[in-house]
Amino acid sequence: MLEFLNVFFIVFHTGFTLFNLFGWIWKKTRLANLITLSLTAFSWSVLGIWYGFGYCPCTDWHWQVRWELGLRDMPHSYLTFLIRELTGLQLNPQLVDITALVIFGAVFILSIVLNIRDYRKRKEN
C-alpha cells in the first residue's frame, strides 16, 4: 500500500503542479486553474503561518509515506525533489523556491486577469 501511495503522490502532485502552471491556457479549465492556484496560495501562506511558509499538505503526506518506506533523504521542497528525481540534478533549494514563487506569482496574476476577461465577455453576451 505504501508503494502505491508513493506512486500516487508523485503522479497526483506532479499533475496538480502542471495544472497550476498550464491550466490557464485553455478557456474551459481557467476557472478550475484559478481555484487550484488559490488553494495553493492558501496552503503556502495561511497554513504556512502554522507549518512554515510554502507548506503543502501533499508534500507533507508524501514525505510521511516515503519515511515509512525508509526513504529519509527528502528535501524541504517537492520541486527540489522532483527535479532531483527526473534529472539527477541537486539544485540550490533556495533558487528552486524563489523561482517557483516568481513563476507561481506570474501564473496566478495571469489566471486572475484571464478569468476576469472571460467573465466580462460572458456578461456582455
N, C-alpha and C. Protein backbone atom coordinates (compact mmCIF):
# COMPACT_ATOMS: atom_id res chain seq x y z
N MET A 1 0.83 -1.20 0.00
CA MET A 1 0.00 0.00 0.00
C MET A 1 0.87 1.27 0.00
N LEU A 2 1.97 1.23 0.76
CA LEU A 2 2.85 2.40 0.81
C LEU A 2 3.48 2.68 -0.55
N GLU A 3 3.86 1.63 -1.28
CA GLU A 3 4.42 1.84 -2.63
C GLU A 3 3.37 2.47 -3.55
N PHE A 4 2.14 1.99 -3.45
CA PHE A 4 1.05 2.58 -4.23
C PHE A 4 0.88 4.05 -3.90
N LEU A 5 0.86 4.39 -2.60
CA LEU A 5 0.70 5.79 -2.18
C LEU A 5 1.87 6.64 -2.65
N ASN A 6 3.07 6.10 -2.63
CA ASN A 6 4.23 6.84 -3.10
C ASN A 6 4.06 7.21 -4.58
N VAL A 7 3.67 6.24 -5.39
CA VAL A 7 3.45 6.50 -6.82
C VAL A 7 2.26 7.43 -7.01
N PHE A 8 1.19 7.21 -6.24
CA PHE A 8 0.01 8.08 -6.33
C PHE A 8 0.39 9.53 -6.08
N PHE A 9 1.15 9.79 -5.02
CA PHE A 9 1.52 11.17 -4.71
C PHE A 9 2.41 11.77 -5.78
N ILE A 10 3.32 10.98 -6.34
CA ILE A 10 4.17 11.51 -7.42
C ILE A 10 3.30 11.92 -8.61
N VAL A 11 2.39 11.05 -9.00
CA VAL A 11 1.53 11.34 -10.16
C VAL A 11 0.57 12.49 -9.85
N PHE A 12 -0.14 12.41 -8.72
CA PHE A 12 -1.13 13.43 -8.38
C PHE A 12 -0.48 14.80 -8.17
N HIS A 13 0.57 14.85 -7.37
CA HIS A 13 1.19 16.14 -7.04
C HIS A 13 1.85 16.76 -8.27
N THR A 14 2.48 15.94 -9.08
CA THR A 14 3.08 16.47 -10.30
C THR A 14 2.00 16.97 -11.25
N GLY A 15 0.91 16.21 -11.38
CA GLY A 15 -0.21 16.65 -12.22
C GLY A 15 -0.83 17.95 -11.72
N PHE A 16 -1.00 18.05 -10.40
CA PHE A 16 -1.54 19.27 -9.79
C PHE A 16 -0.63 20.45 -10.09
N THR A 17 0.67 20.25 -9.95
CA THR A 17 1.65 21.31 -10.21
C THR A 17 1.61 21.73 -11.67
N LEU A 18 1.57 20.76 -12.58
CA LEU A 18 1.50 21.08 -14.01
C LEU A 18 0.20 21.80 -14.35
N PHE A 19 -0.91 21.39 -13.72
CA PHE A 19 -2.18 22.09 -13.95
C PHE A 19 -2.10 23.53 -13.44
N ASN A 20 -1.46 23.74 -12.29
CA ASN A 20 -1.26 25.11 -11.80
C ASN A 20 -0.49 25.93 -12.82
N LEU A 21 0.51 25.33 -13.43
CA LEU A 21 1.35 26.06 -14.39
C LEU A 21 0.65 26.35 -15.71
N PHE A 22 -0.14 25.39 -16.19
CA PHE A 22 -0.64 25.50 -17.56
C PHE A 22 -2.16 25.48 -17.70
N GLY A 23 -2.90 25.34 -16.63
CA GLY A 23 -4.36 25.25 -16.70
C GLY A 23 -5.03 26.53 -17.20
N TRP A 24 -4.35 27.64 -17.14
CA TRP A 24 -4.89 28.92 -17.60
C TRP A 24 -4.96 28.99 -19.13
N ILE A 25 -4.22 28.13 -19.81
CA ILE A 25 -4.12 28.21 -21.27
C ILE A 25 -5.47 27.96 -21.95
N TRP A 26 -6.21 26.97 -21.46
CA TRP A 26 -7.47 26.60 -22.09
C TRP A 26 -8.63 27.27 -21.38
N LYS A 27 -9.47 27.90 -22.15
CA LYS A 27 -10.60 28.64 -21.59
C LYS A 27 -11.47 27.77 -20.69
N LYS A 28 -11.68 26.52 -21.06
CA LYS A 28 -12.56 25.64 -20.28
C LYS A 28 -11.97 25.26 -18.91
N THR A 29 -10.66 25.39 -18.74
CA THR A 29 -10.05 25.00 -17.47
C THR A 29 -9.60 26.19 -16.62
N ARG A 30 -9.84 27.39 -17.11
CA ARG A 30 -9.33 28.58 -16.42
C ARG A 30 -9.90 28.77 -15.01
N LEU A 31 -11.18 28.55 -14.84
CA LEU A 31 -11.76 28.73 -13.51
C LEU A 31 -11.22 27.68 -12.54
N ALA A 32 -11.14 26.44 -13.00
CA ALA A 32 -10.56 25.38 -12.16
C ALA A 32 -9.11 25.70 -11.83
N ASN A 33 -8.38 26.24 -12.80
CA ASN A 33 -7.00 26.63 -12.57
C ASN A 33 -6.90 27.72 -11.50
N LEU A 34 -7.78 28.70 -11.58
CA LEU A 34 -7.79 29.76 -10.57
C LEU A 34 -8.08 29.18 -9.18
N ILE A 35 -8.95 28.20 -9.11
CA ILE A 35 -9.27 27.56 -7.83
C ILE A 35 -8.06 26.81 -7.29
N THR A 36 -7.38 26.03 -8.14
CA THR A 36 -6.21 25.29 -7.65
C THR A 36 -5.07 26.23 -7.27
N LEU A 37 -4.90 27.30 -8.02
CA LEU A 37 -3.89 28.29 -7.66
C LEU A 37 -4.23 28.96 -6.33
N SER A 38 -5.51 29.25 -6.11
CA SER A 38 -5.94 29.85 -4.84
C SER A 38 -5.73 28.90 -3.68
N LEU A 39 -6.01 27.62 -3.89
CA LEU A 39 -5.76 26.62 -2.84
C LEU A 39 -4.27 26.53 -2.52
N THR A 40 -3.46 26.60 -3.55
CA THR A 40 -2.00 26.57 -3.35
C THR A 40 -1.55 27.80 -2.58
N ALA A 41 -2.04 28.97 -2.96
CA ALA A 41 -1.68 30.21 -2.26
C ALA A 41 -2.12 30.15 -0.80
N PHE A 42 -3.32 29.63 -0.56
CA PHE A 42 -3.82 29.47 0.81
C PHE A 42 -2.91 28.54 1.61
N SER A 43 -2.55 27.44 1.02
CA SER A 43 -1.69 26.48 1.71
C SER A 43 -0.34 27.10 2.02
N TRP A 44 0.28 27.72 1.03
CA TRP A 44 1.60 28.28 1.23
C TRP A 44 1.61 29.41 2.26
N SER A 45 0.57 30.24 2.25
CA SER A 45 0.59 31.42 3.12
C SER A 45 -0.19 31.21 4.42
N VAL A 46 -1.45 30.83 4.36
CA VAL A 46 -2.27 30.72 5.58
C VAL A 46 -1.85 29.51 6.41
N LEU A 47 -1.83 28.32 5.78
CA LEU A 47 -1.35 27.15 6.52
C LEU A 47 0.12 27.33 6.89
N GLY A 48 0.83 28.08 6.05
CA GLY A 48 2.23 28.38 6.32
C GLY A 48 2.46 29.14 7.61
N ILE A 49 1.45 29.82 8.11
CA ILE A 49 1.57 30.52 9.41
C ILE A 49 1.91 29.50 10.49
N TRP A 50 1.29 28.33 10.43
CA TRP A 50 1.49 27.30 11.46
C TRP A 50 2.58 26.30 11.10
N TYR A 51 2.74 26.01 9.81
CA TYR A 51 3.65 24.93 9.39
C TYR A 51 4.90 25.43 8.68
N GLY A 52 5.00 26.71 8.42
CA GLY A 52 6.13 27.27 7.70
C GLY A 52 5.72 27.67 6.29
N PHE A 53 6.18 28.84 5.87
CA PHE A 53 5.80 29.37 4.55
C PHE A 53 6.12 28.34 3.48
N GLY A 54 5.19 28.16 2.58
CA GLY A 54 5.36 27.21 1.50
C GLY A 54 4.84 25.82 1.83
N TYR A 55 4.15 25.70 2.98
CA TYR A 55 3.64 24.39 3.39
C TYR A 55 2.66 23.84 2.37
N CYS A 56 2.81 22.55 2.09
CA CYS A 56 1.91 21.86 1.17
C CYS A 56 1.51 20.52 1.80
N PRO A 57 0.21 20.32 2.01
CA PRO A 57 -0.24 19.04 2.59
C PRO A 57 0.18 17.84 1.75
N CYS A 58 0.16 17.97 0.42
CA CYS A 58 0.55 16.84 -0.43
C CYS A 58 2.00 16.45 -0.17
N THR A 59 2.87 17.43 -0.07
CA THR A 59 4.27 17.14 0.22
C THR A 59 4.40 16.50 1.59
N ASP A 60 3.72 17.05 2.56
CA ASP A 60 3.77 16.52 3.93
C ASP A 60 3.34 15.05 3.96
N TRP A 61 2.19 14.75 3.37
CA TRP A 61 1.69 13.38 3.36
C TRP A 61 2.61 12.45 2.57
N HIS A 62 3.11 12.95 1.44
CA HIS A 62 4.02 12.15 0.62
C HIS A 62 5.30 11.83 1.39
N TRP A 63 5.84 12.82 2.08
CA TRP A 63 7.08 12.59 2.84
C TRP A 63 6.84 11.59 3.97
N GLN A 64 5.65 11.63 4.57
CA GLN A 64 5.32 10.64 5.61
C GLN A 64 5.32 9.23 5.03
N VAL A 65 4.76 9.07 3.83
CA VAL A 65 4.75 7.76 3.16
C VAL A 65 6.18 7.32 2.88
N ARG A 66 6.98 8.22 2.32
CA ARG A 66 8.37 7.88 1.99
C ARG A 66 9.18 7.56 3.24
N TRP A 67 8.89 8.26 4.33
CA TRP A 67 9.57 7.97 5.61
C TRP A 67 9.28 6.53 6.04
N GLU A 68 8.01 6.14 5.94
CA GLU A 68 7.61 4.77 6.30
C GLU A 68 8.25 3.73 5.37
N LEU A 69 8.55 4.14 4.14
CA LEU A 69 9.23 3.25 3.19
C LEU A 69 10.74 3.20 3.44
N GLY A 70 11.21 4.02 4.38
CA GLY A 70 12.64 4.05 4.67
C GLY A 70 13.42 5.04 3.82
N LEU A 71 12.71 5.88 3.07
CA LEU A 71 13.34 6.90 2.22
C LEU A 71 13.37 8.21 3.00
N ARG A 72 14.52 8.49 3.60
CA ARG A 72 14.56 9.60 4.56
C ARG A 72 15.35 10.81 4.10
N ASP A 73 15.96 10.75 2.95
CA ASP A 73 16.75 11.88 2.45
C ASP A 73 15.87 12.77 1.57
N MET A 74 14.87 13.40 2.21
CA MET A 74 13.91 14.20 1.45
C MET A 74 14.20 15.69 1.62
N PRO A 75 14.21 16.43 0.51
CA PRO A 75 14.38 17.88 0.62
C PRO A 75 13.10 18.53 1.17
N HIS A 76 13.21 19.77 1.55
CA HIS A 76 12.05 20.51 2.05
C HIS A 76 10.99 20.69 0.96
N SER A 77 11.44 20.91 -0.26
CA SER A 77 10.56 21.28 -1.36
C SER A 77 10.26 20.09 -2.28
N TYR A 78 9.00 19.96 -2.66
CA TYR A 78 8.63 18.93 -3.62
C TYR A 78 9.29 19.18 -4.97
N LEU A 79 9.39 20.44 -5.37
CA LEU A 79 10.01 20.75 -6.67
C LEU A 79 11.48 20.37 -6.69
N THR A 80 12.18 20.61 -5.58
CA THR A 80 13.58 20.20 -5.49
C THR A 80 13.68 18.68 -5.64
N PHE A 81 12.78 17.97 -4.97
CA PHE A 81 12.70 16.51 -5.08
C PHE A 81 12.43 16.08 -6.51
N LEU A 82 11.43 16.68 -7.14
CA LEU A 82 11.05 16.30 -8.50
C LEU A 82 12.18 16.53 -9.49
N ILE A 83 12.85 17.67 -9.38
CA ILE A 83 13.98 17.96 -10.26
C ILE A 83 15.08 16.93 -10.06
N ARG A 84 15.37 16.60 -8.80
CA ARG A 84 16.40 15.60 -8.50
C ARG A 84 16.02 14.23 -9.06
N GLU A 85 14.74 13.84 -8.89
CA GLU A 85 14.29 12.53 -9.37
C GLU A 85 14.30 12.43 -10.89
N LEU A 86 13.90 13.51 -11.57
CA LEU A 86 13.79 13.48 -13.03
C LEU A 86 15.12 13.69 -13.74
N THR A 87 16.00 14.49 -13.15
CA THR A 87 17.23 14.85 -13.85
C THR A 87 18.51 14.40 -13.15
N GLY A 88 18.41 14.09 -11.86
CA GLY A 88 19.60 13.76 -11.09
C GLY A 88 20.33 14.99 -10.58
N LEU A 89 19.85 16.17 -10.94
CA LEU A 89 20.49 17.42 -10.51
C LEU A 89 20.09 17.78 -9.09
N GLN A 90 21.06 18.21 -8.32
CA GLN A 90 20.81 18.68 -6.95
C GLN A 90 20.97 20.20 -6.98
N LEU A 91 19.86 20.90 -7.29
CA LEU A 91 19.89 22.35 -7.39
C LEU A 91 19.81 23.00 -6.01
N ASN A 92 20.24 24.24 -5.95
CA ASN A 92 20.15 25.01 -4.72
C ASN A 92 18.67 25.15 -4.35
N PRO A 93 18.28 24.65 -3.17
CA PRO A 93 16.86 24.70 -2.77
C PRO A 93 16.29 26.11 -2.72
N GLN A 94 17.09 27.09 -2.32
CA GLN A 94 16.60 28.47 -2.27
C GLN A 94 16.31 28.99 -3.68
N LEU A 95 17.16 28.63 -4.63
CA LEU A 95 16.95 29.03 -6.02
C LEU A 95 15.66 28.40 -6.55
N VAL A 96 15.44 27.14 -6.25
CA VAL A 96 14.22 26.46 -6.68
C VAL A 96 12.99 27.14 -6.06
N ASP A 97 13.06 27.44 -4.76
CA ASP A 97 11.92 28.08 -4.07
C ASP A 97 11.62 29.46 -4.63
N ILE A 98 12.65 30.26 -4.86
CA ILE A 98 12.45 31.61 -5.38
C ILE A 98 11.89 31.55 -6.80
N THR A 99 12.44 30.67 -7.62
CA THR A 99 11.95 30.51 -8.99
C THR A 99 10.49 30.07 -8.98
N ALA A 100 10.16 29.11 -8.11
CA ALA A 100 8.77 28.64 -8.01
C ALA A 100 7.84 29.77 -7.60
N LEU A 101 8.25 30.57 -6.64
CA LEU A 101 7.42 31.67 -6.15
C LEU A 101 7.20 32.72 -7.25
N VAL A 102 8.24 33.05 -7.99
CA VAL A 102 8.12 34.05 -9.06
C VAL A 102 7.20 33.52 -10.17
N ILE A 103 7.41 32.29 -10.59
CA ILE A 103 6.57 31.71 -11.64
C ILE A 103 5.13 31.57 -11.14
N PHE A 104 4.96 31.12 -9.90
CA PHE A 104 3.62 30.99 -9.34
C PHE A 104 2.91 32.35 -9.35
N GLY A 105 3.60 33.40 -8.89
CA GLY A 105 3.01 34.73 -8.86
C GLY A 105 2.58 35.19 -10.24
N ALA A 106 3.43 34.96 -11.23
CA ALA A 106 3.11 35.38 -12.60
C ALA A 106 1.90 34.60 -13.14
N VAL A 107 1.88 33.30 -12.90
CA VAL A 107 0.78 32.47 -13.39
C VAL A 107 -0.52 32.81 -12.67
N PHE A 108 -0.44 33.09 -11.37
CA PHE A 108 -1.62 33.45 -10.59
C PHE A 108 -2.23 34.75 -11.11
N ILE A 109 -1.39 35.75 -11.34
CA ILE A 109 -1.86 37.03 -11.88
C ILE A 109 -2.46 36.82 -13.27
N LEU A 110 -1.79 36.04 -14.10
CA LEU A 110 -2.29 35.75 -15.44
C LEU A 110 -3.66 35.07 -15.38
N SER A 111 -3.80 34.10 -14.49
CA SER A 111 -5.07 33.39 -14.35
C SER A 111 -6.18 34.33 -13.88
N ILE A 112 -5.88 35.21 -12.95
CA ILE A 112 -6.87 36.17 -12.47
C ILE A 112 -7.32 37.08 -13.62
N VAL A 113 -6.35 37.63 -14.35
CA VAL A 113 -6.65 38.54 -15.45
C VAL A 113 -7.50 37.84 -16.52
N LEU A 114 -7.13 36.64 -16.89
CA LEU A 114 -7.88 35.92 -17.92
C LEU A 114 -9.27 35.53 -17.44
N ASN A 115 -9.41 35.15 -16.18
CA ASN A 115 -10.73 34.82 -15.66
C ASN A 115 -11.63 36.05 -15.61
N ILE A 116 -11.08 37.20 -15.24
CA ILE A 116 -11.86 38.44 -15.25
C ILE A 116 -12.27 38.79 -16.67
N ARG A 117 -11.35 38.67 -17.61
CA ARG A 117 -11.66 38.95 -19.02
C ARG A 117 -12.76 38.02 -19.53
N ASP A 118 -12.63 36.73 -19.21
CA ASP A 118 -13.66 35.77 -19.65
C ASP A 118 -15.01 36.09 -19.02
N TYR A 119 -15.02 36.46 -17.76
CA TYR A 119 -16.26 36.81 -17.06
C TYR A 119 -16.92 38.02 -17.72
N ARG A 120 -16.13 39.03 -18.03
CA ARG A 120 -16.68 40.23 -18.66
C ARG A 120 -17.24 39.93 -20.05
N LYS A 121 -16.57 39.08 -20.79
CA LYS A 121 -17.06 38.71 -22.13
C LYS A 121 -18.37 37.94 -22.03
N ARG A 122 -18.47 37.04 -21.07
CA ARG A 122 -19.73 36.30 -20.87
C ARG A 122 -20.85 37.23 -20.47
N LYS A 123 -20.54 38.21 -19.63
CA LYS A 123 -21.54 39.16 -19.16
C LYS A 123 -22.04 40.04 -20.31
N GLU A 124 -21.15 40.40 -21.23
CA GLU A 124 -21.53 41.23 -22.38
C GLU A 124 -22.45 40.48 -23.33
N ASN A 125 -22.22 39.19 -23.47
CA ASN A 125 -23.01 38.38 -24.42
C ASN A 125 -24.22 37.92 -23.72
